[in-house]
């Protein structure tokens, strides 16, 4: 497995990480045993970066990971997040980047994970009314206390990255980035490269649209994130399935799978880009890892760009409710 560096001075990690939201069941029911089998497969495949958050199943994902790490310590670099809260009366989501909240949530995450520090700690969503410089100072103190190895922000704008990085070197920005979500190419890919910040790409397979088998809405459970996502409701879903069909055929022409080809394309965007496909299946993870073995030349990249040009996707990537807290730019 190729390795890449988390930031200018962070640890060397596998070029592909493992997103662990799925361990909490957002795309269908799962079991702790299934998640542990996926973690074991990740270890065997050379994947050593795992990504979770305190709100994934309200602590379930971290607890599942912690139970695995207690019996299998020493292999994984762990990233987690905090900063999202819900109003107990209304259930409305809001954001809290205060030092007290981030500290208490970090401590709770460490306890669930069964570790005394994490390698990377993200602010999951930025609190708009709190200066990012203040929040960065809080995160830097966590580094000085030995609780985290580095810090990052998720779904921020390049301008926010630069403000925070001026206070202390940021390790990573996490953004949705794939062949059907190209917004990071409007400044974030370049800004991260210029500053030596890793760009950790979540949903690199477009929440399954780029998988070999097209998503089937009939299989979406009540809690499935895609059930109310604009790109997965009709007529957009049918149009998107039709749009990606030539890409899947091209993957076959190259003797590979659309999953591996989509991952290889992301890895070609820059040596600082680290995809973290989320899965609860060891078989699916192995397919993702094959993308790190592909080397795409100018001809292949041009053909992929012709088949799936920027902006091909039908529908917004988030509904209005889902987009709450995501910083827009450009």
Protein backbone atom coordinates (compact mmCIF):
# COMPACT_ATOMS: atom_id res chain seq x y z
CA UNK A 1 0.00 0.00 0.00
CA UNK A 2 1.31 3.43 -0.96
CA UNK A 3 1.65 5.85 1.95
CA UNK A 4 0.97 9.56 2.13
CA UNK A 5 1.64 12.09 4.86
CA UNK A 6 -1.01 13.71 7.03
CA UNK A 7 0.06 17.34 6.77
CA UNK A 8 3.58 18.72 6.79
CA UNK A 9 4.73 16.95 9.95
CA UNK A 10 2.03 14.36 10.57
CA UNK A 11 2.34 10.59 10.44
CA UNK A 12 2.69 8.52 7.30
CA UNK A 13 -0.64 6.83 6.57
CA UNK A 14 -2.01 4.52 3.92
CA UNK A 15 -3.06 6.29 0.73
CA UNK A 16 -6.57 4.99 1.36
CA UNK A 17 -8.25 5.19 4.75
CA UNK A 18 -11.45 3.65 6.08
CA UNK A 19 -14.50 5.76 6.88
CA UNK A 20 -16.41 4.27 9.81
CA UNK A 21 -19.78 6.03 9.77
CA UNK A 22 -21.16 2.80 8.32
CA UNK A 23 -20.37 1.04 11.60
CA UNK A 24 -23.33 2.95 13.06
CA UNK A 25 -25.79 1.81 10.37
CA UNK A 26 -26.64 4.93 8.30
CA UNK A 27 -26.89 2.81 5.14
CA UNK A 28 -28.61 -0.18 6.68
CA UNK A 29 -28.34 -2.45 9.72
CA UNK A 30 -24.99 -3.92 10.66
CA UNK A 31 -23.36 -5.75 13.55
CA UNK A 32 -20.26 -5.19 15.64
CA UNK A 33 -18.85 -8.47 14.35
CA UNK A 34 -19.23 -7.30 10.75
CA UNK A 35 -17.48 -4.04 11.60
CA UNK A 36 -14.65 -5.88 13.35
CA UNK A 37 -14.21 -8.12 10.31
CA UNK A 38 -13.90 -5.00 8.18
CA UNK A 39 -11.27 -3.56 10.53
CA UNK A 40 -9.35 -6.83 10.43
CA UNK A 41 -9.48 -6.79 6.63
CA UNK A 42 -8.25 -3.19 6.63
CA UNK A 43 -5.28 -4.20 8.75
CA UNK A 44 -4.47 -7.13 6.46
CA UNK A 45 -4.76 -4.92 3.36
CA UNK A 46 -2.36 -2.33 4.76
CA UNK A 47 -4.97 0.33 5.54
CA UNK A 48 -3.90 2.09 8.74
CA UNK A 49 -6.08 5.24 8.85
CA UNK A 50 -9.61 5.00 10.26
CA UNK A 51 -12.03 7.89 10.50
CA UNK A 52 -14.99 8.24 12.85
CA UNK A 53 -16.90 10.91 14.83
CA UNK A 54 -18.70 11.32 18.12
CA UNK A 55 -22.07 11.70 16.37
CA UNK A 56 -21.81 8.55 14.24
CA UNK A 57 -24.60 6.62 15.90
CA UNK A 58 -24.20 8.93 18.91
CA UNK A 59 -21.00 7.16 19.92
CA UNK A 60 -21.72 3.71 18.47
CA UNK A 61 -19.01 3.87 15.79
CA UNK A 62 -16.35 4.95 18.29
CA UNK A 63 -17.44 2.26 20.77
CA UNK A 64 -17.26 -0.46 18.10
CA UNK A 65 -13.78 0.72 17.11
CA UNK A 66 -12.69 0.92 20.75
CA UNK A 67 -13.79 -2.65 21.40
CA UNK A 68 -11.66 -3.77 18.46
CA UNK A 69 -8.62 -1.70 19.44
CA UNK A 70 -8.58 -3.11 22.96
CA UNK A 71 -7.72 -6.51 21.53
CA UNK A 72 -5.78 -5.27 18.48
CA UNK A 73 -3.70 -2.23 19.49
CA UNK A 74 -0.90 -0.54 17.65
CA UNK A 75 -1.84 -0.65 13.96
CA UNK A 76 -4.34 2.12 13.24
CA UNK A 77 -4.03 5.87 13.11
CA UNK A 78 -7.35 7.17 14.42
CA UNK A 79 -9.20 10.34 13.45
CA UNK A 80 -12.41 11.53 15.09
CA UNK A 81 -14.53 14.68 15.18
CA UNK A 82 -16.74 16.87 17.35
CA UNK A 83 -18.64 20.13 17.10
CA UNK A 84 -22.17 19.06 16.14
CA UNK A 85 -24.96 19.10 18.73
CA UNK A 86 -28.73 18.64 18.76
CA UNK A 87 -31.28 20.65 20.68
CA UNK A 88 -32.84 18.17 23.17
CA UNK A 89 -36.24 19.86 22.88
CA UNK A 90 -36.55 20.19 19.11
CA UNK A 91 -33.91 17.84 17.73
CA UNK A 92 -32.55 20.68 15.61
CA UNK A 93 -28.88 20.40 14.73
CA UNK A 94 -26.52 23.21 15.69
CA UNK A 95 -22.80 23.73 16.07
CA UNK A 96 -20.67 24.34 19.14
CA UNK A 97 -16.94 24.98 18.74
CA UNK A 98 -16.44 26.28 22.27
CA UNK A 99 -13.38 25.09 24.15
CA UNK A 100 -15.54 23.49 26.85
CA UNK A 101 -17.63 21.51 24.38
CA UNK A 102 -14.73 20.35 22.22
CA UNK A 103 -12.78 19.30 25.29
CA UNK A 104 -15.64 17.36 26.86
CA UNK A 105 -16.45 15.62 23.59
CA UNK A 106 -12.81 14.79 22.94
CA UNK A 107 -12.52 13.25 26.40
CA UNK A 108 -15.68 11.21 25.79
CA UNK A 109 -14.35 10.03 22.43
CA UNK A 110 -11.04 8.96 23.96
CA UNK A 111 -12.94 6.94 26.56
CA UNK A 112 -15.12 5.21 23.95
CA UNK A 113 -12.09 4.50 21.77
CA UNK A 114 -10.10 3.23 24.74
CA UNK A 115 -7.06 5.39 23.95
CA UNK A 116 -5.28 8.32 25.59
CA UNK A 117 -4.92 10.33 22.38
CA UNK A 118 -6.06 10.36 18.75
CA UNK A 119 -3.83 11.12 15.79
CA UNK A 120 -6.24 13.61 14.23
CA UNK A 121 -9.15 15.58 15.67
CA UNK A 122 -11.51 17.52 13.41
CA UNK A 123 -14.04 20.21 14.07
CA UNK A 124 -16.94 18.49 12.32
CA UNK A 125 -18.75 21.69 11.37
CA UNK A 126 -17.62 25.24 11.91
CA UNK A 127 -19.62 27.47 14.24
CA UNK A 128 -20.12 30.52 12.04
CA UNK A 129 -20.23 33.13 14.82
CA UNK A 130 -17.08 31.94 16.59
CA UNK A 131 -13.75 33.11 15.10
CA UNK A 132 -11.91 30.17 13.58
CA UNK A 133 -8.69 31.61 15.02
CA UNK A 134 -10.11 31.11 18.54
CA UNK A 135 -11.09 27.52 17.74
CA UNK A 136 -7.66 26.84 16.29
CA UNK A 137 -6.10 28.03 19.53
CA UNK A 138 -8.22 25.51 21.43
CA UNK A 139 -7.11 22.70 19.13
CA UNK A 140 -3.47 23.72 19.45
CA UNK A 141 -3.78 23.42 23.23
CA UNK A 142 -5.06 19.86 22.81
CA UNK A 143 -1.90 19.09 20.82
CA UNK A 144 0.29 20.61 23.55
CA UNK A 145 -1.53 18.49 26.15
CA UNK A 146 -0.82 15.33 24.14
CA UNK A 147 -4.49 14.52 23.57
CA UNK A 148 -4.33 14.84 19.76
CA UNK A 149 -1.56 14.55 17.22
CA UNK A 150 -2.97 17.10 14.79
CA UNK A 151 -6.17 18.96 13.98
CA UNK A 152 -8.41 19.68 11.06
CA UNK A 153 -11.78 21.03 9.99
CA UNK A 154 -14.49 19.38 7.92
CA UNK A 155 -16.45 21.07 5.12
CA UNK A 156 -14.82 24.49 5.39
CA UNK A 157 -13.92 26.98 2.68
CA UNK A 158 -10.36 27.68 1.49
CA UNK A 159 -10.56 31.13 3.07
CA UNK A 160 -11.29 29.56 6.47
CA UNK A 161 -8.42 27.12 6.00
CA UNK A 162 -6.03 30.01 5.47
CA UNK A 163 -7.27 31.91 8.54
CA UNK A 164 -6.82 28.87 10.77
CA UNK A 165 -3.49 27.83 9.27
CA UNK A 166 -2.09 31.29 10.01
CA UNK A 167 -2.59 30.56 13.73
CA UNK A 168 -1.20 27.01 13.76
CA UNK A 169 -0.35 24.46 11.07
CA UNK A 170 -3.45 22.48 10.16
CA UNK A 171 -3.05 18.77 9.51
CA UNK A 172 -6.04 18.06 7.28
CA UNK A 173 -9.25 19.32 5.76
CA UNK A 174 -12.01 16.79 5.23
CA UNK A 175 -14.35 17.42 2.32
CA UNK A 176 -16.66 15.40 0.13
CA UNK A 177 -14.72 14.83 -3.07
CA UNK A 178 -15.37 12.40 -5.89
CA UNK A 179 -16.02 12.30 -9.60
CA UNK A 180 -19.53 13.61 -8.99
CA UNK A 181 -18.67 16.14 -6.28
CA UNK A 182 -15.95 18.40 -7.64
CA UNK A 183 -16.35 21.56 -5.54
CA UNK A 184 -12.93 21.09 -3.86
CA UNK A 185 -11.38 21.79 -7.26
CA UNK A 186 -12.64 25.37 -6.95
CA UNK A 187 -9.84 26.28 -4.58
CA UNK A 188 -9.57 23.67 -1.82
CA UNK A 189 -7.35 21.16 -3.64
CA UNK A 190 -4.93 23.96 -4.50
CA UNK A 191 -5.03 25.63 -1.06
CA UNK A 192 -4.29 22.36 0.73
CA UNK A 193 -1.41 21.61 -1.63
CA UNK A 194 0.08 25.08 -1.21
CA UNK A 195 -0.07 24.89 2.60
CA UNK A 196 1.01 21.27 2.99
CA UNK A 197 -2.38 20.23 4.36
CA UNK A 198 -3.86 16.80 3.63
CA UNK A 199 -7.20 16.76 1.82
CA UNK A 200 -9.13 13.80 3.19
CA UNK A 201 -11.88 12.90 0.73
CA UNK A 202 -15.02 11.36 2.17
CA UNK A 203 -17.67 9.67 0.02
CA UNK A 204 -15.14 9.03 -2.78
CA UNK A 205 -17.63 6.68 -4.44
CA UNK A 206 -20.51 9.14 -4.43
CA UNK A 207 -22.45 7.31 -1.70
CA UNK A 208 -22.51 4.21 -3.91
CA UNK A 209 -23.42 5.70 -7.29
CA UNK A 210 -19.96 4.76 -8.61
CA UNK A 211 -20.13 1.19 -7.29
CA UNK A 212 -20.55 -1.71 -9.69
CA UNK A 213 -24.17 -2.17 -8.67
CA UNK A 214 -26.43 0.88 -8.83
CA UNK A 215 -28.13 1.93 -5.58
CA UNK A 216 -31.66 0.61 -5.19
CA UNK A 217 -34.00 3.00 -3.33
CA UNK A 218 -36.20 0.06 -2.37
CA UNK A 219 -33.37 -1.12 -0.13
CA UNK A 220 -32.96 2.24 1.65
CA UNK A 221 -33.96 1.99 5.28
CA UNK A 222 -35.72 4.77 7.17
CA UNK A 223 -32.38 6.09 8.48
CA UNK A 224 -30.55 5.83 5.15
CA UNK A 225 -28.92 9.18 4.40
CA UNK A 226 -29.76 8.82 0.71
CA UNK A 227 -33.50 8.45 1.24
CA UNK A 228 -33.99 12.22 1.21
CA UNK A 229 -30.85 13.22 -0.68
CA UNK A 230 -31.64 15.13 -3.91
CA UNK A 231 -29.28 13.03 -6.02
CA UNK A 232 -30.97 9.79 -4.98
CA UNK A 233 -34.62 10.72 -5.51
CA UNK A 234 -36.39 10.61 -8.85
CA UNK A 235 -36.03 11.79 -11.49
CA UNK A 236 -32.44 12.59 -10.52
CA UNK A 237 -31.46 9.06 -9.54
CA UNK A 238 -32.40 7.53 -12.89
CA UNK A 239 -30.54 10.29 -14.70
CA UNK A 240 -27.45 9.79 -12.53
CA UNK A 241 -27.45 6.03 -13.03
CA UNK A 242 -27.61 6.61 -16.78
CA UNK A 243 -24.81 9.19 -16.62
CA UNK A 244 -22.35 6.91 -14.82
CA UNK A 245 -23.05 3.83 -16.96
CA UNK A 246 -20.37 4.71 -19.57
CA UNK A 247 -17.82 5.18 -16.77
CA UNK A 248 -18.56 1.70 -15.47
CA UNK A 249 -18.22 0.31 -18.97
CA UNK A 250 -14.88 2.08 -19.37
CA UNK A 251 -13.63 0.54 -16.13
CA UNK A 252 -14.41 -2.86 -17.63
CA UNK A 253 -12.51 -1.93 -20.78
CA UNK A 254 -9.49 -1.20 -18.57
CA UNK A 255 -9.83 -4.55 -16.84
CA UNK A 256 -10.80 -3.08 -13.50
CA UNK A 257 -13.90 -2.12 -11.51
CA UNK A 258 -15.60 1.29 -11.34
CA UNK A 259 -14.80 1.41 -7.62
CA UNK A 260 -11.08 0.94 -8.16
CA UNK A 261 -11.09 3.38 -11.07
CA UNK A 262 -12.89 6.07 -9.05
CA UNK A 263 -10.39 5.69 -6.20
CA UNK A 264 -7.43 5.77 -8.59
CA UNK A 265 -8.80 8.95 -10.17
CA UNK A 266 -8.95 10.65 -6.75
CA UNK A 267 -5.43 9.57 -5.88
CA UNK A 268 -4.26 11.18 -9.13
CA UNK A 269 -5.55 14.58 -7.99
CA UNK A 270 -2.47 15.14 -5.83
CA UNK A 271 -0.17 13.38 -3.39
CA UNK A 272 -1.94 15.18 -0.53
CA UNK A 273 -5.36 13.67 -1.35
CA UNK A 274 -6.39 10.70 0.83
CA UNK A 275 -9.73 9.01 0.06
CA UNK A 276 -11.58 7.39 2.96
CA UNK A 277 -14.27 5.14 1.46
CA UNK A 278 -16.83 4.09 4.01
CA UNK A 279 -17.91 0.47 4.12
CA UNK A 280 -18.91 -2.26 6.51
CA UNK A 281 -17.88 -4.96 4.03
CA UNK A 282 -14.41 -6.48 3.86
CA UNK A 283 -15.06 -7.42 0.22
CA UNK A 284 -15.95 -3.85 -0.73
CA UNK A 285 -12.89 -2.52 1.08
CA UNK A 286 -10.63 -4.86 -0.86
CA UNK A 287 -12.13 -3.52 -4.09
CA UNK A 288 -11.37 0.04 -2.96
CA UNK A 289 -7.78 -0.82 -2.09
CA UNK A 290 -7.22 -2.08 -5.63
CA UNK A 291 -7.56 1.54 -6.70
CA UNK A 292 -4.21 2.29 -5.05
CA UNK A 293 -2.59 -0.20 -7.41
CA UNK A 294 -3.83 1.54 -10.57
CA UNK A 295 -1.71 4.14 -12.31
CA UNK A 296 -3.70 6.34 -14.67
CA UNK A 297 -1.97 8.07 -17.54
CA UNK A 298 -2.97 11.19 -19.42
CA UNK A 299 -5.06 9.19 -21.89
CA UNK A 300 -7.12 7.47 -19.18
CA UNK A 301 -7.61 10.68 -17.21
CA UNK A 302 -8.75 12.54 -20.31
CA UNK A 303 -11.25 9.81 -21.15
CA UNK A 304 -12.64 9.81 -17.62
CA UNK A 305 -13.00 13.59 -17.86
CA UNK A 306 -14.86 13.24 -21.14
CA UNK A 307 -17.23 10.60 -19.77
CA UNK A 308 -17.90 12.35 -16.45
CA UNK A 309 -17.23 16.07 -16.88
CA UNK A 310 -17.47 18.47 -13.95
CA UNK A 311 -21.08 19.16 -13.09
CA UNK A 312 -22.57 16.02 -14.64
CA UNK A 313 -24.52 15.04 -11.52
CA UNK A 314 -28.25 15.73 -11.33
CA UNK A 315 -29.41 17.25 -8.04
CA UNK A 316 -27.72 19.08 -5.18
CA UNK A 317 -25.32 16.99 -3.13
CA UNK A 318 -27.28 17.82 0.02
CA UNK A 319 -30.86 18.71 0.85
CA UNK A 320 -31.36 22.00 2.67
CA UNK A 321 -31.34 20.23 6.04
CA UNK A 322 -28.33 18.07 5.17
CA UNK A 323 -26.30 21.08 4.03
CA UNK A 324 -26.62 22.92 7.34
CA UNK A 325 -23.12 23.94 8.43
CA UNK A 326 -21.30 23.33 5.15
CA UNK A 327 -19.31 26.38 4.10
CA UNK A 328 -19.95 27.43 0.52
CA UNK A 329 -17.38 29.09 -1.69
CA UNK A 330 -16.91 30.17 -5.31
